[in-house]
Amino acid sequence: MPQVKQVAQAAKPKNAIVRFISETIAEMKKVTWLSRRETAYLTGLVLLVAIAAGIVLGLFDWSFSKLISLIFGIK
């Protein structure tokens, strides 16, 4: 009777998950994290820019709606 060779599986799902997690942890150790002060500063800056953009867009919307109201006589 001929011998049947067992073919090794390419990657078992459990090994793939363990490898993924270990590689993720290794990559996270390479990250240069911001300090608390830098994080607070940049968060404040983002909020400031978002509020300023909202105000500018609100003013554009308000002025265009007034302009349209004047053109078409809508009150």
PDB file of N, CA and C in Angstrom:
ATOM      1  N   MET A   1       0.841  -1.156   0.000  1.00  0.00           N
ATOM      2  CA  MET A   1       0.000   0.000   0.000  1.00  0.00           C
ATOM      3  C   MET A   1       0.900   1.238   0.000  1.00  0.00           C
ATOM      4  N   PRO A   2       0.619   2.239  -0.871  1.00  0.00           N
ATOM      5  CA  PRO A   2       1.459   3.435  -0.946  1.00  0.00           C
ATOM      6  C   PRO A   2       1.276   4.307   0.302  1.00  0.00           C
ATOM      7  N   GLN A   3       2.386   4.945   0.664  1.00  0.00           N
ATOM      8  CA  GLN A   3       2.329   5.825   1.837  1.00  0.00           C
ATOM      9  C   GLN A   3       1.695   7.162   1.450  1.00  0.00           C
ATOM     10  N   VAL A   4       0.889   7.677   2.335  1.00  0.00           N
ATOM     11  CA  VAL A   4       0.233   8.966   2.113  1.00  0.00           C
ATOM     12  C   VAL A   4       1.005  10.014   2.916  1.00  0.00           C
ATOM     13  N   LYS A   5       1.520  11.000   2.195  1.00  0.00           N
ATOM     14  CA  LYS A   5       2.246  12.076   2.861  1.00  0.00           C
ATOM     15  C   LYS A   5       1.244  13.114   3.345  1.00  0.00           C
ATOM     16  N   GLN A   6       1.430  13.514   4.572  1.00  0.00           N
ATOM     17  CA  GLN A   6       0.563  14.560   5.095  1.00  0.00           C
ATOM     18  C   GLN A   6       1.151  15.906   4.703  1.00  0.00           C
ATOM     19  N   VAL A   7       0.285  16.722   4.158  1.00  0.00           N
ATOM     20  CA  VAL A   7       0.703  18.053   3.737  1.00  0.00           C
ATOM     21  C   VAL A   7       0.510  18.999   4.919  1.00  0.00           C
ATOM     22  N   ALA A   8       1.575  19.748   5.241  1.00  0.00           N
ATOM     23  CA  ALA A   8       1.491  20.701   6.343  1.00  0.00           C
ATOM     24  C   ALA A   8       0.567  21.846   5.952  1.00  0.00           C
ATOM     25  N   GLN A   9      -0.244  22.235   6.883  1.00  0.00           N
ATOM     26  CA  GLN A   9      -1.139  23.352   6.612  1.00  0.00           C
ATOM     27  C   GLN A   9      -0.321  24.630   6.559  1.00  0.00           C
ATOM     28  N   ALA A  10      -0.762  25.551   5.688  1.00  0.00           N
ATOM     29  CA  ALA A  10      -0.013  26.795   5.493  1.00  0.00           C
ATOM     30  C   ALA A  10       0.079  27.581   6.795  1.00  0.00           C
ATOM     31  N   ALA A  11      -1.017  27.792   7.444  1.00  0.00           N
ATOM     32  CA  ALA A  11      -1.006  28.491   8.726  1.00  0.00           C
ATOM     33  C   ALA A  11      -2.304  28.160   9.437  1.00  0.00           C
ATOM     34  N   LYS A  12      -2.173  27.654  10.633  1.00  0.00           N
ATOM     35  CA  LYS A  12      -3.363  27.361  11.413  1.00  0.00           C
ATOM     36  C   LYS A  12      -3.940  28.689  11.899  1.00  0.00           C
ATOM     37  N   PRO A  13      -5.241  28.800  11.967  1.00  0.00           N
ATOM     38  CA  PRO A  13      -5.833  30.065  12.409  1.00  0.00           C
ATOM     39  C   PRO A  13      -5.333  30.519  13.779  1.00  0.00           C
ATOM     40  N   LYS A  14      -5.138  29.603  14.713  1.00  0.00           N
ATOM     41  CA  LYS A  14      -4.671  29.986  16.035  1.00  0.00           C
ATOM     42  C   LYS A  14      -3.271  30.582  15.965  1.00  0.00           C
ATOM     43  N   ASN A  15      -2.399  29.968  15.186  1.00  0.00           N
ATOM     44  CA  ASN A  15      -1.037  30.492  15.047  1.00  0.00           C
ATOM     45  C   ASN A  15      -1.041  31.851  14.364  1.00  0.00           C
ATOM     46  N   ALA A  16      -1.937  32.032  13.406  1.00  0.00           N
ATOM     47  CA  ALA A  16      -2.013  33.308  12.697  1.00  0.00           C
ATOM     48  C   ALA A  16      -2.461  34.412  13.647  1.00  0.00           C
ATOM     49  N   ILE A  17      -3.411  34.116  14.520  1.00  0.00           N
ATOM     50  CA  ILE A  17      -3.899  35.121  15.464  1.00  0.00           C
ATOM     51  C   ILE A  17      -2.805  35.473  16.466  1.00  0.00           C
ATOM     52  N   VAL A  18      -2.113  34.458  16.975  1.00  0.00           N
ATOM     53  CA  VAL A  18      -1.029  34.703  17.943  1.00  0.00           C
ATOM     54  C   VAL A  18       0.078  35.514  17.285  1.00  0.00           C
ATOM     55  N   ARG A  19       0.425  35.177  16.059  1.00  0.00           N
ATOM     56  CA  ARG A  19       1.474  35.915  15.345  1.00  0.00           C
ATOM     57  C   ARG A  19       1.044  37.357  15.101  1.00  0.00           C
ATOM     58  N   PHE A  20      -0.215  37.549  14.718  1.00  0.00           N
ATOM     59  CA  PHE A  20      -0.725  38.907  14.486  1.00  0.00           C
ATOM     60  C   PHE A  20      -0.632  39.742  15.753  1.00  0.00           C
ATOM     61  N   ILE A  21      -1.063  39.181  16.875  1.00  0.00           N
ATOM     62  CA  ILE A  21      -1.039  39.921  18.138  1.00  0.00           C
ATOM     63  C   ILE A  21       0.393  40.233  18.555  1.00  0.00           C
ATOM     64  N   SER A  22       1.300  39.276  18.423  1.00  0.00           N
ATOM     65  CA  SER A  22       2.688  39.528  18.830  1.00  0.00           C
ATOM     66  C   SER A  22       3.347  40.569  17.919  1.00  0.00           C
ATOM     67  N   GLU A  23       3.040  40.543  16.623  1.00  0.00           N
ATOM     68  CA  GLU A  23       3.596  41.556  15.716  1.00  0.00           C
ATOM     69  C   GLU A  23       3.004  42.931  16.002  1.00  0.00           C
ATOM     70  N   THR A  24       1.731  42.970  16.360  1.00  0.00           N
ATOM     71  CA  THR A  24       1.096  44.239  16.701  1.00  0.00           C
ATOM     72  C   THR A  24       1.733  44.840  17.944  1.00  0.00           C
ATOM     73  N   ILE A  25       1.968  44.021  18.953  1.00  0.00           N
ATOM     74  CA  ILE A  25       2.614  44.502  20.181  1.00  0.00           C
ATOM     75  C   ILE A  25       4.022  45.009  19.881  1.00  0.00           C
ATOM     76  N   ALA A  26       4.751  44.297  19.028  1.00  0.00           N
ATOM     77  CA  ALA A  26       6.107  44.722  18.668  1.00  0.00           C
ATOM     78  C   ALA A  26       6.082  46.073  17.952  1.00  0.00           C
ATOM     79  N   GLU A  27       5.103  46.282  17.067  1.00  0.00           N
ATOM     80  CA  GLU A  27       5.010  47.559  16.352  1.00  0.00           C
ATOM     81  C   GLU A  27       4.607  48.690  17.295  1.00  0.00           C
ATOM     82  N   MET A  28       3.721  48.397  18.241  1.00  0.00           N
ATOM     83  CA  MET A  28       3.279  49.427  19.179  1.00  0.00           C
ATOM     84  C   MET A  28       4.424  49.878  20.081  1.00  0.00           C
ATOM     85  N   LYS A  29       5.390  49.016  20.340  1.00  0.00           N
ATOM     86  CA  LYS A  29       6.550  49.390  21.141  1.00  0.00           C
ATOM     87  C   LYS A  29       7.471  50.343  20.386  1.00  0.00           C
ATOM     88  N   LYS A  30       7.389  50.350  19.057  1.00  0.00           N
ATOM     89  CA  LYS A  30       8.233  51.223  18.241  1.00  0.00           C
ATOM     90  C   LYS A  30       7.660  52.634  18.113  1.00  0.00           C
ATOM     91  N   VAL A  31       6.404  52.823  18.479  1.00  0.00           N
ATOM     92  CA  VAL A  31       5.732  54.109  18.304  1.00  0.00           C
ATOM     93  C   VAL A  31       6.303  55.131  19.272  1.00  0.00           C
ATOM     94  N   THR A  32       6.504  56.351  18.778  1.00  0.00           N
ATOM     95  CA  THR A  32       6.901  57.455  19.635  1.00  0.00           C
ATOM     96  C   THR A  32       5.628  58.184  20.038  1.00  0.00           C
ATOM     97  N   TRP A  33       5.246  58.055  21.306  1.00  0.00           N
ATOM     98  CA  TRP A  33       4.003  58.629  21.786  1.00  0.00           C
ATOM     99  C   TRP A  33       4.213  60.075  22.203  1.00  0.00           C
ATOM    100  N   LEU A  34       3.180  60.890  22.040  1.00  0.00           N
ATOM    101  CA  LEU A  34       3.233  62.286  22.449  1.00  0.00           C
ATOM    102  C   LEU A  34       3.152  62.380  23.968  1.00  0.00           C
ATOM    103  N   SER A  35       3.694  63.469  24.491  1.00  0.00           N
ATOM    104  CA  SER A  35       3.571  63.702  25.930  1.00  0.00           C
ATOM    105  C   SER A  35       2.157  64.208  26.224  1.00  0.00           C
ATOM    106  N   ARG A  36       1.802  64.211  27.491  1.00  0.00           N
ATOM    107  CA  ARG A  36       0.470  64.688  27.890  1.00  0.00           C
ATOM    108  C   ARG A  36       0.285  66.153  27.494  1.00  0.00           C
ATOM    109  N   ARG A  37       1.342  66.948  27.644  1.00  0.00           N
ATOM    110  CA  ARG A  37       1.270  68.374  27.304  1.00  0.00           C
ATOM    111  C   ARG A  37       1.046  68.565  25.802  1.00  0.00           C
ATOM    112  N   GLU A  38       1.792  67.831  24.979  1.00  0.00           N
ATOM    113  CA  GLU A  38       1.614  67.937  23.528  1.00  0.00           C
ATOM    114  C   GLU A  38       0.222  67.491  23.106  1.00  0.00           C
ATOM    115  N   THR A  39      -0.279  66.435  23.721  1.00  0.00           N
ATOM    116  CA  THR A  39      -1.611  65.938  23.402  1.00  0.00           C
ATOM    117  C   THR A  39      -2.678  66.970  23.749  1.00  0.00           C
ATOM    118  N   ALA A  40      -2.556  67.588  24.911  1.00  0.00           N
ATOM    119  CA  ALA A  40      -3.523  68.612  25.331  1.00  0.00           C
ATOM    120  C   ALA A  40      -3.464  69.816  24.394  1.00  0.00           C
ATOM    121  N   TYR A  41      -2.264  70.237  24.022  1.00  0.00           N
ATOM    122  CA  TYR A  41      -2.099  71.377  23.118  1.00  0.00           C
ATOM    123  C   TYR A  41      -2.729  71.098  21.761  1.00  0.00           C
ATOM    124  N   LEU A  42      -2.423  69.953  21.193  1.00  0.00           N
ATOM    125  CA  LEU A  42      -2.946  69.632  19.867  1.00  0.00           C
ATOM    126  C   LEU A  42      -4.459  69.412  19.893  1.00  0.00           C
ATOM    127  N   THR A  43      -4.983  68.864  20.982  1.00  0.00           N
ATOM    128  CA  THR A  43      -6.431  68.710  21.110  1.00  0.00           C
ATOM    129  C   THR A  43      -7.110  70.071  21.150  1.00  0.00           C
ATOM    130  N   GLY A  44      -6.543  70.983  21.914  1.00  0.00           N
ATOM    131  CA  GLY A  44      -7.080  72.346  21.965  1.00  0.00           C
ATOM    132  C   GLY A  44      -7.016  73.030  20.617  1.00  0.00           C
ATOM    133  N   LEU A  45      -5.932  72.816  19.905  1.00  0.00           N
ATOM    134  CA  LEU A  45      -5.776  73.416  18.580  1.00  0.00           C
ATOM    135  C   LEU A  45      -6.830  72.879  17.610  1.00  0.00           C
ATOM    136  N   VAL A  46      -7.064  71.595  17.645  1.00  0.00           N
ATOM    137  CA  VAL A  46      -8.084  70.997  16.772  1.00  0.00           C
ATOM    138  C   VAL A  46      -9.466  71.554  17.108  1.00  0.00           C
ATOM    139  N   LEU A  47      -9.773  71.667  18.400  1.00  0.00           N
ATOM    140  CA  LEU A  47     -11.067  72.226  18.798  1.00  0.00           C
ATOM    141  C   LEU A  47     -11.210  73.670  18.353  1.00  0.00           C
ATOM    142  N   LEU A  48     -10.160  74.446  18.495  1.00  0.00           N
ATOM    143  CA  LEU A  48     -10.182  75.846  18.085  1.00  0.00           C
ATOM    144  C   LEU A  48     -10.422  75.981  16.582  1.00  0.00           C
ATOM    145  N   VAL A  49      -9.720  75.194  15.793  1.00  0.00           N
ATOM    146  CA  VAL A  49      -9.887  75.244  14.336  1.00  0.00           C
ATOM    147  C   VAL A  49     -11.284  74.778  13.939  1.00  0.00           C
ATOM    148  N   ALA A  50     -11.810  73.743  14.600  1.00  0.00           N
ATOM    149  CA  ALA A  50     -13.154  73.249  14.280  1.00  0.00           C
ATOM    150  C   ALA A  50     -14.212  74.297  14.604  1.00  0.00           C
ATOM    151  N   ILE A  51     -14.069  74.977  15.747  1.00  0.00           N
ATOM    152  CA  ILE A  51     -15.026  76.025  16.117  1.00  0.00           C
ATOM    153  C   ILE A  51     -14.942  77.194  15.144  1.00  0.00           C
ATOM    154  N   ALA A  52     -13.716  77.606  14.794  1.00  0.00           N
ATOM    155  CA  ALA A  52     -13.535  78.710  13.847  1.00  0.00           C
ATOM    156  C   ALA A  52     -14.130  78.357  12.482  1.00  0.00           C
ATOM    157  N   ALA A  53     -13.913  77.135  12.017  1.00  0.00           N
ATOM    158  CA  ALA A  53     -14.473  76.719  10.726  1.00  0.00           C
ATOM    159  C   ALA A  53     -15.996  76.698  10.802  1.00  0.00           C
ATOM    160  N   GLY A  54     -16.558  76.257  11.926  1.00  0.00           N
ATOM    161  CA  GLY A  54     -18.013  76.254  12.091  1.00  0.00           C
ATOM    162  C   GLY A  54     -18.586  77.652  12.054  1.00  0.00           C
ATOM    163  N   ILE A  55     -17.902  78.595  12.704  1.00  0.00           N
ATOM    164  CA  ILE A  55     -18.373  79.983  12.695  1.00  0.00           C
ATOM    165  C   ILE A  55     -18.322  80.565  11.289  1.00  0.00           C
ATOM    166  N   VAL A  56     -17.209  80.349  10.590  1.00  0.00           N
ATOM    167  CA  VAL A  56     -17.072  80.872   9.222  1.00  0.00           C
ATOM    168  C   VAL A  56     -18.130  80.270   8.302  1.00  0.00           C
ATOM    169  N   LEU A  57     -18.311  78.960   8.364  1.00  0.00           N
ATOM    170  CA  LEU A  57     -19.320  78.327   7.509  1.00  0.00           C
ATOM    171  C   LEU A  57     -20.729  78.782   7.887  1.00  0.00           C
ATOM    172  N   GLY A  58     -20.979  78.985   9.176  1.00  0.00           N
ATOM    173  CA  GLY A  58     -22.281  79.501   9.615  1.00  0.00           C
ATOM    174  C   GLY A  58     -22.541  80.891   9.081  1.00  0.00           C
ATOM    175  N   LEU A  59     -21.509  81.734   9.104  1.00  0.00           N
ATOM    176  CA  LEU A  59     -21.660  83.092   8.550  1.00  0.00           C
ATOM    177  C   LEU A  59     -21.911  83.060   7.050  1.00  0.00           C
ATOM    178  N   PHE A  60     -21.212  82.189   6.326  1.00  0.00           N
ATOM    179  CA  PHE A  60     -21.468  82.049   4.889  1.00  0.00           C
ATOM    180  C   PHE A  60     -22.905  81.601   4.640  1.00  0.00           C
ATOM    181  N   ASP A  61     -23.367  80.630   5.395  1.00  0.00           N
ATOM    182  CA  ASP A  61     -24.722  80.122   5.236  1.00  0.00           C
ATOM    183  C   ASP A  61     -25.738  81.210   5.524  1.00  0.00           C
ATOM    184  N   TRP A  62     -25.532  81.928   6.612  1.00  0.00           N
ATOM    185  CA  TRP A  62     -26.454  82.998   6.987  1.00  0.00           C
ATOM    186  C   TRP A  62     -26.496  84.091   5.924  1.00  0.00           C
ATOM    187  N   SER A  63     -25.300  84.495   5.436  1.00  0.00           N
ATOM    188  CA  SER A  63     -25.261  85.573   4.441  1.00  0.00           C
ATOM    189  C   SER A  63     -25.868  85.136   3.114  1.00  0.00           C
ATOM    190  N   PHE A  64     -25.641  83.906   2.689  1.00  0.00           N
ATOM    191  CA  PHE A  64     -26.235  83.444   1.437  1.00  0.00           C
ATOM    192  C   PHE A  64     -27.751  83.297   1.569  1.00  0.00           C
ATOM    193  N   SER A  65     -28.224  82.874   2.728  1.00  0.00           N
ATOM    194  CA  SER A  65     -29.671  82.761   2.907  1.00  0.00           C
ATOM    195  C   SER A  65     -30.321  84.147   2.898  1.00  0.00           C
ATOM    196  N   LYS A  66     -29.659  85.148   3.497  1.00  0.00           N
ATOM    197  CA  LYS A  66     -30.171  86.520   3.436  1.00  0.00           C
ATOM    198  C   LYS A  66     -30.164  87.051   2.010  1.00  0.00           C
ATOM    199  N   LEU A  67     -29.113  86.734   1.262  1.00  0.00           N
ATOM    200  CA  LEU A  67     -29.013  87.174  -0.119  1.00  0.00           C
ATOM    201  C   LEU A  67     -30.124  86.571  -0.965  1.00  0.00           C
ATOM    202  N   ILE A  68     -30.367  85.298  -0.800  1.00  0.00           N
ATOM    203  CA  ILE A  68     -31.429  84.623  -1.542  1.00  0.00           C
ATOM    204  C   ILE A  68     -32.792  85.208  -1.156  1.00  0.00           C
ATOM    205  N   SER A  69     -32.968  85.502   0.138  1.00  0.00           N
ATOM    206  CA  SER A  69     -34.222  86.101   0.591  1.00  0.00           C
ATOM    207  C   SER A  69     -34.440  87.467  -0.051  1.00  0.00           C
ATOM    208  N   LEU A  70     -33.384  88.249  -0.166  1.00  0.00           N
ATOM    209  CA  LEU A  70     -33.496  89.558  -0.808  1.00  0.00           C
ATOM    210  C   LEU A  70     -33.789  89.426  -2.296  1.00  0.00           C
ATOM    211  N   ILE A  71     -33.134  88.506  -2.962  1.00  0.00           N
ATOM    212  CA  ILE A  71     -33.318  88.341  -4.411  1.00  0.00           C
ATOM    213  C   ILE A  71     -34.738  87.889  -4.736  1.00  0.00           C
ATOM    214  N   PHE A  72     -35.251  86.908  -4.004  1.00  0.00           N
ATOM    215  CA  PHE A  72     -36.556  86.349  -4.316  1.00  0.00           C
ATOM    216  C   PHE A  72     -37.683  86.939  -3.464  1.00  0.00           C
ATOM    217  N   GLY A  73     -37.384  87.859  -2.598  1.00  0.00           N
ATOM    218  CA  GLY A  73     -38.410  88.508  -1.783  1.00  0.00           C
ATOM    219  C   GLY A  73     -39.035  87.567  -0.764  1.00  0.00           C
ATOM    220  N   ILE A  74     -38.307  86.591  -0.308  1.00  0.00           N
ATOM    221  CA  ILE A  74     -38.809  85.644   0.675  1.00  0.00           C
ATOM    222  C   ILE A  74     -38.513  86.197   2.071  1.00  0.00           C
ATOM    223  N   LYS A  75     -39.489  86.089   2.963  1.00  0.00           N
ATOM    224  CA  LYS A  75     -39.252  86.594   4.330  1.00  0.00           C
ATOM    225  C   LYS A  75     -39.303  85.490   5.307  1.00  0.00           C
TER     226      LYS A  75
END
